[in-house]
């Protein structure tokens, strides 16, 4: 019984160590590198949501291109 409690504490400790490493890394990645966004509505048709579908498209927003001023004609830019 004592060994099971020790094993349980070991797994909980490992979980929290991983959690406290993974959350800051994920937040930094989403803030600095890229994030995922959903595009809904008719404002971006026909490039996104073609044919008047009610479904939404999912896009990857690349933060590096904006930081390096690597935006070209034809690129879609999202502003918050």
PDB file of N, CA and C in Angstrom:
ATOM      1  N   UNK A   1       0.822  -1.194   0.000  1.00  0.00           N
ATOM      2  CA  UNK A   1       0.000   0.000   0.000  1.00  0.00           C
ATOM      3  C   UNK A   1       0.867   1.258   0.000  1.00  0.00           C
ATOM      4  N   UNK A   2       1.924   1.245   0.782  1.00  0.00           N
ATOM      5  CA  UNK A   2       2.822   2.401   0.846  1.00  0.00           C
ATOM      6  C   UNK A   2       3.532   2.607  -0.487  1.00  0.00           C
ATOM      7  N   UNK A   3       3.825   1.508  -1.169  1.00  0.00           N
ATOM      8  CA  UNK A   3       4.495   1.613  -2.465  1.00  0.00           C
ATOM      9  C   UNK A   3       3.555   2.243  -3.492  1.00  0.00           C
ATOM     10  N   UNK A   4       2.266   1.932  -3.431  1.00  0.00           N
ATOM     11  CA  UNK A   4       1.285   2.513  -4.359  1.00  0.00           C
ATOM     12  C   UNK A   4       1.154   4.010  -4.127  1.00  0.00           C
ATOM     13  N   UNK A   5       1.155   4.444  -2.868  1.00  0.00           N
ATOM     14  CA  UNK A   5       1.084   5.870  -2.568  1.00  0.00           C
ATOM     15  C   UNK A   5       2.336   6.585  -3.057  1.00  0.00           C
ATOM     16  N   UNK A   6       3.484   5.942  -2.880  1.00  0.00           N
ATOM     17  CA  UNK A   6       4.741   6.517  -3.345  1.00  0.00           C
ATOM     18  C   UNK A   6       4.741   6.646  -4.868  1.00  0.00           C
ATOM     19  N   UNK A   7       4.215   5.631  -5.541  1.00  0.00           N
ATOM     20  CA  UNK A   7       4.137   5.660  -6.992  1.00  0.00           C
ATOM     21  C   UNK A   7       3.176   6.748  -7.461  1.00  0.00           C
ATOM     22  N   UNK A   8       2.048   6.893  -6.754  1.00  0.00           N
ATOM     23  CA  UNK A   8       1.083   7.943  -7.090  1.00  0.00           C
ATOM     24  C   UNK A   8       1.676   9.327  -6.922  1.00  0.00           C
ATOM     25  N   UNK A   9       2.408   9.552  -5.840  1.00  0.00           N
ATOM     26  CA  UNK A   9       3.054  10.841  -5.617  1.00  0.00           C
ATOM     27  C   UNK A   9       4.096  11.122  -6.693  1.00  0.00           C
ATOM     28  N   UNK A  10       4.781  10.071  -7.116  1.00  0.00           N
ATOM     29  CA  UNK A  10       5.810  10.217  -8.153  1.00  0.00           C
ATOM     30  C   UNK A  10       5.181  10.680  -9.465  1.00  0.00           C
ATOM     31  N   UNK A  11       4.035  10.069  -9.833  1.00  0.00           N
ATOM     32  CA  UNK A  11       3.361  10.455 -11.071  1.00  0.00           C
ATOM     33  C   UNK A  11       2.770  11.854 -10.992  1.00  0.00           C
ATOM     34  N   UNK A  12       2.237  12.216  -9.844  1.00  0.00           N
ATOM     35  CA  UNK A  12       1.689  13.563  -9.678  1.00  0.00           C
ATOM     36  C   UNK A  12       2.803  14.595  -9.763  1.00  0.00           C
ATOM     37  N   UNK A  13       3.934  14.311  -9.142  1.00  0.00           N
ATOM     38  CA  UNK A  13       5.080  15.223  -9.191  1.00  0.00           C
ATOM     39  C   UNK A  13       5.587  15.378 -10.627  1.00  0.00           C
ATOM     40  N   UNK A  14       5.670  14.283 -11.365  1.00  0.00           N
ATOM     41  CA  UNK A  14       6.113  14.335 -12.764  1.00  0.00           C
ATOM     42  C   UNK A  14       5.111  15.105 -13.621  1.00  0.00           C
ATOM     43  N   UNK A  15       3.820  14.929 -13.348  1.00  0.00           N
ATOM     44  CA  UNK A  15       2.794  15.661 -14.100  1.00  0.00           C
ATOM     45  C   UNK A  15       2.941  17.160 -13.907  1.00  0.00           C
ATOM     46  N   UNK A  16       3.084  17.590 -12.663  1.00  0.00           N
ATOM     47  CA  UNK A  16       3.198  19.022 -12.399  1.00  0.00           C
ATOM     48  C   UNK A  16       4.489  19.609 -12.943  1.00  0.00           C
ATOM     49  N   UNK A  17       5.566  18.850 -12.912  1.00  0.00           N
ATOM     50  CA  UNK A  17       6.810  19.327 -13.524  1.00  0.00           C
ATOM     51  C   UNK A  17       6.604  19.548 -15.023  1.00  0.00           C
ATOM     52  N   UNK A  18       5.997  18.582 -15.686  1.00  0.00           N
ATOM     53  CA  UNK A  18       5.722  18.710 -17.112  1.00  0.00           C
ATOM     54  C   UNK A  18       4.750  19.831 -17.410  1.00  0.00           C
ATOM     55  N   UNK A  19       3.758  19.989 -16.560  1.00  0.00           N
ATOM     56  CA  UNK A  19       2.746  21.035 -16.742  1.00  0.00           C
ATOM     57  C   UNK A  19       3.378  22.412 -16.651  1.00  0.00           C
ATOM     58  N   UNK A  20       4.218  22.617 -15.632  1.00  0.00           N
ATOM     59  CA  UNK A  20       4.823  23.928 -15.441  1.00  0.00           C
ATOM     60  C   UNK A  20       5.912  24.238 -16.463  1.00  0.00           C
ATOM     61  N   UNK A  21       6.329  23.261 -17.229  1.00  0.00           N
ATOM     62  CA  UNK A  21       7.238  23.507 -18.343  1.00  0.00           C
ATOM     63  C   UNK A  21       6.435  23.701 -19.628  1.00  0.00           C
ATOM     64  N   UNK A  22       5.426  22.883 -19.839  1.00  0.00           N
ATOM     65  CA  UNK A  22       4.671  22.909 -21.096  1.00  0.00           C
ATOM     66  C   UNK A  22       3.836  24.170 -21.258  1.00  0.00           C
ATOM     67  N   UNK A  23       3.224  24.662 -20.204  1.00  0.00           N
ATOM     68  CA  UNK A  23       2.351  25.837 -20.316  1.00  0.00           C
ATOM     69  C   UNK A  23       3.137  27.082 -20.738  1.00  0.00           C
ATOM     70  N   UNK A  24       4.225  27.444 -20.101  1.00  0.00           N
ATOM     71  CA  UNK A  24       4.959  28.628 -20.576  1.00  0.00           C
ATOM     72  C   UNK A  24       5.511  28.476 -21.998  1.00  0.00           C
ATOM     73  N   UNK A  25       5.963  27.278 -22.339  1.00  0.00           N
ATOM     74  CA  UNK A  25       6.471  27.052 -23.694  1.00  0.00           C
ATOM     75  C   UNK A  25       5.342  27.227 -24.708  1.00  0.00           C
ATOM     76  N   UNK A  26       4.179  26.687 -24.425  1.00  0.00           N
ATOM     77  CA  UNK A  26       3.041  26.799 -25.336  1.00  0.00           C
ATOM     78  C   UNK A  26       2.584  28.244 -25.466  1.00  0.00           C
ATOM     79  N   UNK A  27       2.483  28.953 -24.374  1.00  0.00           N
ATOM     80  CA  UNK A  27       2.053  30.350 -24.417  1.00  0.00           C
ATOM     81  C   UNK A  27       3.054  31.190 -25.197  1.00  0.00           C
ATOM     82  N   UNK A  28       4.337  30.975 -24.977  1.00  0.00           N
ATOM     83  CA  UNK A  28       5.361  31.711 -25.718  1.00  0.00           C
ATOM     84  C   UNK A  28       5.289  31.400 -27.202  1.00  0.00           C
ATOM     85  N   UNK A  29       5.099  30.128 -27.557  1.00  0.00           N
ATOM     86  CA  UNK A  29       4.991  29.753 -28.963  1.00  0.00           C
ATOM     87  C   UNK A  29       3.793  30.430 -29.609  1.00  0.00           C
ATOM     88  N   UNK A  30       2.643  30.397 -28.959  1.00  0.00           N
ATOM     89  CA  UNK A  30       1.442  30.994 -29.531  1.00  0.00           C
ATOM     90  C   UNK A  30       1.544  32.505 -29.615  1.00  0.00           C
ATOM     91  N   UNK A  31       2.310  33.119 -28.744  1.00  0.00           N
ATOM     92  CA  UNK A  31       2.454  34.569 -28.756  1.00  0.00           C
ATOM     93  C   UNK A  31       3.509  35.041 -29.751  1.00  0.00           C
ATOM     94  N   UNK A  32       4.604  34.301 -29.898  1.00  0.00           N
ATOM     95  CA  UNK A  32       5.731  34.758 -30.701  1.00  0.00           C
ATOM     96  C   UNK A  32       5.851  34.121 -32.081  1.00  0.00           C
ATOM     97  N   UNK A  33       5.443  32.871 -32.236  1.00  0.00           N
ATOM     98  CA  UNK A  33       5.704  32.152 -33.481  1.00  0.00           C
ATOM     99  C   UNK A  33       4.455  32.057 -34.346  1.00  0.00           C
ATOM    100  N   UNK A  34       3.437  31.394 -33.866  1.00  0.00           N
ATOM    101  CA  UNK A  34       2.238  31.190 -34.673  1.00  0.00           C
ATOM    102  C   UNK A  34       1.075  30.803 -33.780  1.00  0.00           C
ATOM    103  N   UNK A  35      -0.128  31.016 -34.286  1.00  0.00           N
ATOM    104  CA  UNK A  35      -1.318  30.572 -33.571  1.00  0.00           C
ATOM    105  C   UNK A  35      -2.375  30.157 -34.587  1.00  0.00           C
ATOM    106  N   UNK A  36      -3.382  29.472 -34.120  1.00  0.00           N
ATOM    107  CA  UNK A  36      -4.457  28.981 -34.969  1.00  0.00           C
ATOM    108  C   UNK A  36      -5.680  29.848 -34.743  1.00  0.00           C
ATOM    109  N   UNK A  37      -6.367  30.225 -35.841  1.00  0.00           N
ATOM    110  CA  UNK A  37      -7.568  31.051 -35.737  1.00  0.00           C
ATOM    111  C   UNK A  37      -8.645  30.493 -36.653  1.00  0.00           C
ATOM    112  N   UNK A  38      -9.877  30.783 -36.315  1.00  0.00           N
ATOM    113  CA  UNK A  38     -11.012  30.346 -37.120  1.00  0.00           C
ATOM    114  C   UNK A  38     -11.572  31.548 -37.865  1.00  0.00           C
ATOM    115  N   UNK A  39     -11.842  31.385 -39.159  1.00  0.00           N
ATOM    116  CA  UNK A  39     -12.384  32.449 -39.995  1.00  0.00           C
ATOM    117  C   UNK A  39     -13.826  32.102 -40.311  1.00  0.00           C
ATOM    118  N   UNK A  40     -14.725  32.994 -39.929  1.00  0.00           N
ATOM    119  CA  UNK A  40     -16.146  32.796 -40.175  1.00  0.00           C
ATOM    120  C   UNK A  40     -16.704  34.005 -40.899  1.00  0.00           C
ATOM    121  N   UNK A  41     -17.784  33.823 -41.599  1.00  0.00           N
ATOM    122  CA  UNK A  41     -18.475  34.935 -42.227  1.00  0.00           C
ATOM    123  C   UNK A  41     -18.066  35.155 -43.675  1.00  0.00           C
ATOM    124  N   UNK A  42     -18.711  36.140 -44.279  1.00  0.00           N
ATOM    125  CA  UNK A  42     -18.535  36.393 -45.702  1.00  0.00           C
ATOM    126  C   UNK A  42     -17.444  37.399 -46.015  1.00  0.00           C
ATOM    127  N   UNK A  43     -16.792  37.961 -45.015  1.00  0.00           N
ATOM    128  CA  UNK A  43     -15.828  39.029 -45.268  1.00  0.00           C
ATOM    129  C   UNK A  43     -14.603  38.568 -46.049  1.00  0.00           C
ATOM    130  N   UNK A  44     -14.239  37.296 -45.969  1.00  0.00           N
ATOM    131  CA  UNK A  44     -13.050  36.812 -46.657  1.00  0.00           C
ATOM    132  C   UNK A  44     -13.380  35.950 -47.874  1.00  0.00           C
ATOM    133  N   UNK A  45     -14.626  35.929 -48.314  1.00  0.00           N
ATOM    134  CA  UNK A  45     -14.978  35.129 -49.487  1.00  0.00           C
ATOM    135  C   UNK A  45     -14.482  35.822 -50.736  1.00  0.00           C
ATOM    136  N   UNK A  46     -14.067  35.170 -51.766  1.00  0.00           N
ATOM    137  CA  UNK A  46     -14.034  33.737 -51.989  1.00  0.00           C
ATOM    138  C   UNK A  46     -12.732  33.071 -51.559  1.00  0.00           C
ATOM    139  N   UNK A  47     -11.763  33.839 -51.005  1.00  0.00           N
ATOM    140  CA  UNK A  47     -10.496  33.222 -50.591  1.00  0.00           C
ATOM    141  C   UNK A  47     -10.704  32.196 -49.486  1.00  0.00           C
ATOM    142  N   UNK A  48     -11.446  32.561 -48.466  1.00  0.00           N
ATOM    143  CA  UNK A  48     -11.773  31.659 -47.367  1.00  0.00           C
ATOM    144  C   UNK A  48     -13.287  31.507 -47.314  1.00  0.00           C
ATOM    145  N   UNK A  49     -13.762  30.373 -46.884  1.00  0.00           N
ATOM    146  CA  UNK A  49     -15.186  30.046 -46.867  1.00  0.00           C
ATOM    147  C   UNK A  49     -15.806  30.171 -48.263  1.00  0.00           C
ATOM    148  N   UNK A  50     -15.236  29.490 -49.267  1.00  0.00           N
ATOM    149  CA  UNK A  50     -15.750  29.633 -50.632  1.00  0.00           C
ATOM    150  C   UNK A  50     -17.155  29.043 -50.781  1.00  0.00           C
ATOM    151  N   UNK A  51     -17.890  29.611 -51.721  1.00  0.00           N
ATOM    152  CA  UNK A  51     -19.212  29.077 -52.046  1.00  0.00           C
ATOM    153  C   UNK A  51     -20.285  29.404 -51.029  1.00  0.00           C
ATOM    154  N   UNK A  52     -20.030  30.312 -50.122  1.00  0.00           N
ATOM    155  CA  UNK A  52     -21.043  30.701 -49.158  1.00  0.00           C
ATOM    156  C   UNK A  52     -21.349  29.640 -48.114  1.00  0.00           C
ATOM    157  N   UNK A  53     -20.412  28.750 -47.877  1.00  0.00           N
ATOM    158  CA  UNK A  53     -20.636  27.709 -46.864  1.00  0.00           C
ATOM    159  C   UNK A  53     -20.804  28.339 -45.484  1.00  0.00           C
ATOM    160  N   UNK A  54     -21.549  27.679 -44.648  1.00  0.00           N
ATOM    161  CA  UNK A  54     -21.716  28.132 -43.278  1.00  0.00           C
ATOM    162  C   UNK A  54     -20.581  27.639 -42.375  1.00  0.00           C
ATOM    163  N   UNK A  55     -19.787  26.685 -42.881  1.00  0.00           N
ATOM    164  CA  UNK A  55     -18.672  26.157 -42.094  1.00  0.00           C
ATOM    165  C   UNK A  55     -17.569  27.207 -42.005  1.00  0.00           C
ATOM    166  N   UNK A  56     -16.729  27.089 -41.010  1.00  0.00           N
ATOM    167  CA  UNK A  56     -15.623  28.027 -40.854  1.00  0.00           C
ATOM    168  C   UNK A  56     -14.324  27.360 -41.271  1.00  0.00           C
ATOM    169  N   UNK A  57     -13.392  28.167 -41.744  1.00  0.00           N
ATOM    170  CA  UNK A  57     -12.062  27.682 -42.099  1.00  0.00           C
ATOM    171  C   UNK A  57     -11.115  27.948 -40.928  1.00  0.00           C
ATOM    172  N   UNK A  58     -10.127  27.090 -40.796  1.00  0.00           N
ATOM    173  CA  UNK A  58      -9.107  27.246 -39.759  1.00  0.00           C
ATOM    174  C   UNK A  58      -7.801  27.619 -40.453  1.00  0.00           C
ATOM    175  N   UNK A  59      -7.158  28.671 -39.957  1.00  0.00           N
ATOM    176  CA  UNK A  59      -5.919  29.151 -40.565  1.00  0.00           C
ATOM    177  C   UNK A  59      -4.825  29.240 -39.512  1.00  0.00           C
ATOM    178  N   UNK A  60      -3.580  29.174 -39.970  1.00  0.00           N
ATOM    179  CA  UNK A  60      -2.417  29.346 -39.106  1.00  0.00           C
ATOM    180  C   UNK A  60      -1.901  30.763 -39.313  1.00  0.00           C
ATOM    181  N   UNK A  61      -1.864  31.546 -38.249  1.00  0.00           N
ATOM    182  CA  UNK A  61      -1.370  32.917 -38.315  1.00  0.00           C
ATOM    183  C   UNK A  61       0.111  32.915 -37.968  1.00  0.00           C
ATOM    184  N   UNK A  62       0.935  33.328 -38.916  1.00  0.00           N
ATOM    185  CA  UNK A  62       2.385  33.307 -38.782  1.00  0.00           C
ATOM    186  C   UNK A  62       2.862  34.659 -38.251  1.00  0.00           C
ATOM    187  N   UNK A  63       3.346  34.695 -37.028  1.00  0.00           N
ATOM    188  CA  UNK A  63       3.823  35.938 -36.431  1.00  0.00           C
ATOM    189  C   UNK A  63       5.219  36.324 -36.918  1.00  0.00           C
ATOM    190  N   UNK A  64       6.007  35.358 -37.364  1.00  0.00           N
ATOM    191  CA  UNK A  64       7.380  35.640 -37.806  1.00  0.00           C
ATOM    192  C   UNK A  64       7.393  36.525 -39.045  1.00  0.00           C
ATOM    193  N   UNK A  65       6.466  36.305 -39.974  1.00  0.00           N
ATOM    194  CA  UNK A  65       6.450  37.113 -41.196  1.00  0.00           C
ATOM    195  C   UNK A  65       6.214  38.583 -40.895  1.00  0.00           C
ATOM    196  N   UNK A  66       5.358  38.854 -39.950  1.00  0.00           N
ATOM    197  CA  UNK A  66       5.070  40.240 -39.591  1.00  0.00           C
ATOM    198  C   UNK A  66       6.268  40.872 -38.894  1.00  0.00           C
ATOM    199  N   UNK A  67       6.913  40.134 -38.010  1.00  0.00           N
ATOM    200  CA  UNK A  67       8.073  40.676 -37.286  1.00  0.00           C
ATOM    201  C   UNK A  67       9.233  40.977 -38.240  1.00  0.00           C
ATOM    202  N   UNK A  68       9.377  40.184 -39.290  1.00  0.00           N
ATOM    203  CA  UNK A  68      10.480  40.364 -40.245  1.00  0.00           C
ATOM    204  C   UNK A  68      10.067  41.180 -41.461  1.00  0.00           C
ATOM    205  N   UNK A  69       8.876  41.735 -41.446  1.00  0.00           N
ATOM    206  CA  UNK A  69       8.342  42.520 -42.566  1.00  0.00           C
ATOM    207  C   UNK A  69       8.397  41.726 -43.869  1.00  0.00           C
ATOM    208  N   UNK A  70       8.052  40.457 -43.799  1.00  0.00           N
ATOM    209  CA  UNK A  70       8.078  39.569 -44.962  1.00  0.00           C
ATOM    210  C   UNK A  70       6.659  39.367 -45.503  1.00  0.00           C
ATOM    211  N   UNK A  71       5.932  40.456 -45.685  1.00  0.00           N
ATOM    212  CA  UNK A  71       4.566  40.398 -46.193  1.00  0.00           C
ATOM    213  C   UNK A  71       4.597  40.782 -47.659  1.00  0.00           C
ATOM    214  N   UNK A  72       3.944  39.979 -48.482  1.00  0.00           N
ATOM    215  CA  UNK A  72       3.942  40.217 -49.920  1.00  0.00           C
ATOM    216  C   UNK A  72       2.510  40.397 -50.421  1.00  0.00           C
ATOM    217  N   UNK A  73       2.408  40.894 -51.637  1.00  0.00           N
ATOM    218  CA  UNK A  73       1.108  41.080 -52.250  1.00  0.00           C
ATOM    219  C   UNK A  73       0.399  39.729 -52.353  1.00  0.00           C
ATOM    220  N   UNK A  74      -0.870  39.702 -51.984  1.00  0.00           N
ATOM    221  CA  UNK A  74      -1.649  38.483 -52.013  1.00  0.00           C
ATOM    222  C   UNK A  74      -1.741  37.781 -50.680  1.00  0.00           C
ATOM    223  N   UNK A  75      -0.909  38.173 -49.716  1.00  0.00           N
ATOM    224  CA  UNK A  75      -0.963  37.584 -48.379  1.00  0.00           C
ATOM    225  C   UNK A  75      -2.202  38.096 -47.653  1.00  0.00           C
ATOM    226  N   UNK A  76      -2.735  37.255 -46.800  1.00  0.00           N
ATOM    227  CA  UNK A  76      -3.868  37.656 -45.960  1.00  0.00           C
ATOM    228  C   UNK A  76      -3.298  38.067 -44.609  1.00  0.00           C
ATOM    229  N   UNK A  77      -3.645  39.250 -44.160  1.00  0.00           N
ATOM    230  CA  UNK A  77      -3.145  39.790 -42.898  1.00  0.00           C
ATOM    231  C   UNK A  77      -4.308  39.909 -41.932  1.00  0.00           C
ATOM    232  N   UNK A  78      -4.102  39.430 -40.715  1.00  0.00           N
ATOM    233  CA  UNK A  78      -5.129  39.482 -39.679  1.00  0.00           C
ATOM    234  C   UNK A  78      -4.720  40.514 -38.631  1.00  0.00           C
ATOM    235  N   UNK A  79      -5.626  41.416 -38.306  1.00  0.00           N
ATOM    236  CA  UNK A  79      -5.355  42.445 -37.300  1.00  0.00           C
ATOM    237  C   UNK A  79      -6.277  42.230 -36.103  1.00  0.00           C
ATOM    238  N   UNK A  80      -5.747  42.470 -34.939  1.00  0.00           N
ATOM    239  CA  UNK A  80      -6.548  42.337 -33.730  1.00  0.00           C
ATOM    240  C   UNK A  80      -6.834  43.715 -33.191  1.00  0.00           C
TER     241      UNK A  80
END
